[in-house]
C-alpha cells in the first residue's frame, strides 16, 4: 500500500467534515447544509463506508483530499501532509512542490520568531518593561502563555541576527515572511520596541504578528501588523480562534471584538467564546471560519462612527451567510477590554443582554442621521429597509416595519413600500444559488432505481433482475446497470467497494452519486415493489417517447411520399401503442 492510500484508509471523512458542518444521520449516510454554497435545505451527503461526499446542489464531491483542497484552498500535497500528520503516518515517497517547501519555510521562520519574542518577554531582562506594561493592563501571566505574547526589542537587527546568523535563514526569506524590511542600508526588523501578539491560523500555525506600542507616540502607529504574505492574509485570520474554538462550539455563540487586548480580557473575565477581527469589519472568509463552530454571533465593536460602519459591513455579510446576529452594548467603558478589566460581571451582562441586530441598526441609524429633517429620515429608511428586506419571517419583518415607522413618525405602509422596493434589488450582495442540472423525469427515475440498487444491503442479486437495461437511455447509469447485471450473473457477493474497484474510472462518480442519494423521504420499504413500480413508470415514459419519435418520422415519410417507410412506421406505431395500452 502506498502512502496516499494509507492516509486515505486511516482518515475518517465523517470526523473531518464534522469539523466544518453539523452532520446528521440520514439512513446509512450523513446529511448537512453544504459548506461550499448557501442553502436552506440540506443537500450535502457524506458516506462513512465509501469515505466520500457530494453536494446535490452545487455538485461538489470527492474524498477527504478533495474536501480539504476545496475548503482550505490546499494543494494536494498540503492536504496529504495535513491528513498524514493527523493519522501519524510518515510520508516517505511523496515530495512536496517548491511552492509548498517555500510556505513551510515561512511557517518555520514565523514559529521561531514567536519563540524568540516569547522568550524575550518572559525570560530576558529586555522584556522587563513589556511584562510590567501587560501586567499593569491586567493581562495575567497565564494569558501571556496561553496566547503566546512576546516582546520585540528596540533594536534594528535583533530578530534578523537570530534567524539569519544562528538559524541560517536568508534575509530575503525573512522579508518574505514579513519580519524584515529592506531599506537603503540593508535589512532591518519590522517590529521594534513593541508588545507582540502572535497570529495563528486554525491549525495553530504561526502565520503573522501584530505589534503594539507601550507608550503613546504621535510618530509611531499604535499597531503594526505583518503585511500580506504567502501564508498570512488578514481577511482569513481571527485572533484567538485556535484557542477559543471549543468554547465557541460549547456556547454555540461567538463573541466578536475588535482588538487583541479586547479578546484576551474577555477570555480572562470568563467569556472565553471570543475572537478578535483584524481590520475594521468581518470578512466573508472570517464568517466562513466562524460558521464551522456556530451560527450565532454577538458583535462588540467600537461605539464610534467607524465602529458603526464596521458593524454594518460585517452584519451585511453575516446576514447573507445566514447567521443570527446580536449587538453588544457595553455597560461600562469604551471597549470590551476596559469593560472586562473593570468588572467581569458587567462584561458578562453586556454579552448576555446583547440586542437583536435590527434594534441596533435602527438605533444606530437614528443616532447618526437624526429624525429632525426629511433628509435624515430618508437616510435612515434606506439604510434600515435594505436589511429588513432580507428577513424571511414575515411576523418579524412586520414587527420591525412597525418599529421603524414609529421612529420615523410615518405610516407603516410607507415603510413597507420602501422595504419592498429594496427587496426588488440585489440585497446585501447575496450570492446566487448554484444552478442545478435540469433532469427529465426519465433521468430522475433512472438515477433513483440505480440508487435503490446500490444502497441495497442484501438481496441485490435478486433486485437487479427486476431491471432491464434496454429501458435506460444511453449514458453512465445504463452502463453501471449492465455491469451490475453481469455481477449478479456471476454470483458474486455484493460489496460496493469491490464493485467500484472493478469499474472504469469514468463510472465511479455515477456509483458514488447513487450511493449518496438521500432515500430517507422515499417509499422504499419494500425494494422489490419500489423497483418494479419505478421500472414500470420508466417503461411507460420510454414507450410514450418512442410514440412521439415514430409520429415525427411518420410525418417526414408522408411528406416525402415514401410508401414503404410509411407502412413500416405505421406498423411500429400500432405495436408500440398496444404496449402502452397494455400497461395502462
Foldseek 3Di string as FASTA:
>chain_A
DALQVVLQVLDQLVVVCLLQFPWDDFPQWTWTQDLQADDDDIQWIAHRQVQKIAGLFQGDIDHQLSVCCVPVVDDSVVSSVVSCVVSVHDHDPDDDDPVVVLVVVLLVLLVVVLVVFLCCCPPNPQNPVVVVLCVVLVQDPVLCVLQSKGFAAQDFCPSVCCCCVPVPDDPVSCVLLQQWDQDPVGITGPDYQFIKGFFAALVRTGRWIKTAHSDDDPVDDRIDIRDDHPRDDLLQTWRPCNPQLVVCLVVQEEEEEADPLLQSLLCVLPNSRYTHHDDQAHDLNNLSSSSSRHLHYEYFYFPDPSNVVRVLLNVLSSVLNVGFYFYFDQPDDGGNSVRSSVPSVSSVVSRVPTGGPLVVLLVSLCVVQNQPDPVSLVSSLLSSLLVLLSDPDPVVSLVSLVVSCVRNVHDSVVSVVSSVVSNPDCRSVRDDTNDRDDDDPLVVLLLQLLLLLLQDPDDSLVLLVLDDLVLHDDDLSSVLSVLSPVCSVVVDDDDNVVSLVPDDPVNNVSSVCSPRDRCSPPPCPPVNVVSNVSNLVSNLVSLVVVLVVLVVVLVVCVVVVPVVSNVVSVVVNVVSVVVNVVSD
